Amino acid sequence: MKKYVNLPKYWLKSFPFKVNSSHKYSRGQLIVVGGEKEMIGATILSSEAALRTGVGSVKIICNKKTF
C-alpha cells in the first residue's frame, strides 16, 4: 500500500496566485454544464469553488427550467 502526503509545502509554489494587475480574462474561463433542477447544487458548488481558486469567469450552461 502506498502512502501519499498532501501538504501545502509540496504544491504551494506551483499554485497560481492572482496578480493585482490581472483581469478576469487573463485568469482563465470555465464552462460548467449543469443538470436538472433537483441536482443544481453540484453545479453551484463547483462554480463557486472554481471562482475561489482563481478562475477568472465561470459560465453555467443548463436547462431553462433549472433557473
Protein backbone atom coordinates (compact mmCIF):
# COMPACT_ATOMS: atom_id res chain seq x y z
CA MET A 1 0.00 0.00 0.00
CA LYS A 2 1.37 3.38 -0.99
CA LYS A 3 1.21 6.35 1.32
CA TYR A 4 0.80 9.88 -0.02
CA VAL A 5 1.43 13.08 1.89
CA ASN A 6 -0.55 16.14 0.89
CA LEU A 7 0.98 19.20 2.50
CA PRO A 8 0.98 22.77 1.17
CA LYS A 9 4.78 22.89 1.20
CA TYR A 10 4.80 20.39 -1.69
CA TRP A 11 2.38 22.18 -4.02
CA LEU A 12 2.09 25.80 -2.86
CA LYS A 13 5.00 27.02 -5.03
CA SER A 14 3.26 25.91 -8.23
CA PHE A 15 -0.16 27.30 -7.24
CA PRO A 16 -1.14 30.25 -9.48
CA PHE A 17 -1.77 33.30 -7.30
CA LYS A 18 -3.70 36.32 -8.54
CA VAL A 19 -1.71 39.36 -9.61
CA ASN A 20 -3.23 42.75 -8.82
CA SER A 21 -2.78 43.92 -12.42
CA SER A 22 -4.60 40.90 -13.88
CA HIS A 23 -8.19 40.88 -15.07
CA LYS A 24 -10.76 38.09 -15.20
CA TYR A 25 -9.97 37.04 -18.76
CA SER A 26 -6.26 36.61 -18.03
CA ARG A 27 -7.06 34.10 -15.26
CA GLY A 28 -8.95 31.67 -17.46
CA GLN A 29 -12.55 30.82 -18.18
CA LEU A 30 -14.62 27.80 -17.21
CA ILE A 31 -17.88 26.40 -18.53
CA VAL A 32 -19.91 24.22 -16.17
CA VAL A 33 -22.63 22.07 -17.73
CA GLY A 34 -25.38 21.69 -15.15
CA GLY A 35 -28.03 19.06 -14.68
CA GLU A 36 -31.67 19.17 -13.78
CA LYS A 37 -33.30 21.34 -11.13
CA GLU A 38 -33.04 18.62 -8.46
CA MET A 39 -29.27 18.37 -8.97
CA ILE A 40 -28.34 22.06 -9.30
CA GLY A 41 -26.37 22.09 -6.02
CA ALA A 42 -23.32 20.39 -7.53
CA THR A 43 -23.28 22.90 -10.38
CA ILE A 44 -23.35 25.85 -8.00
CA LEU A 45 -20.74 24.36 -5.65
CA SER A 46 -18.29 23.58 -8.45
CA SER A 47 -18.74 27.05 -9.96
CA GLU A 48 -18.12 28.79 -6.64
CA ALA A 49 -15.11 26.58 -5.93
CA ALA A 50 -13.60 27.48 -9.29
CA LEU A 51 -14.00 31.19 -8.61
CA ARG A 52 -12.44 30.88 -5.16
CA THR A 53 -9.42 29.03 -6.51
CA GLY A 54 -8.64 31.63 -9.17
CA VAL A 55 -10.67 31.13 -12.33
CA GLY A 56 -11.48 34.48 -13.90
CA SER A 57 -15.02 33.79 -15.07
CA VAL A 58 -17.49 30.91 -14.94
CA LYS A 59 -20.41 30.32 -17.27
CA ILE A 60 -23.11 27.84 -16.34
CA ILE A 61 -24.97 26.03 -19.09
CA CYS A 62 -28.17 24.31 -18.04
CA ASN A 63 -31.79 23.77 -18.93
CA LYS A 64 -34.00 26.91 -18.94
CA LYS A 65 -36.29 25.33 -16.33
CA THR A 66 -33.39 24.95 -13.89
CA PHE A 67 -33.05 28.66 -13.12
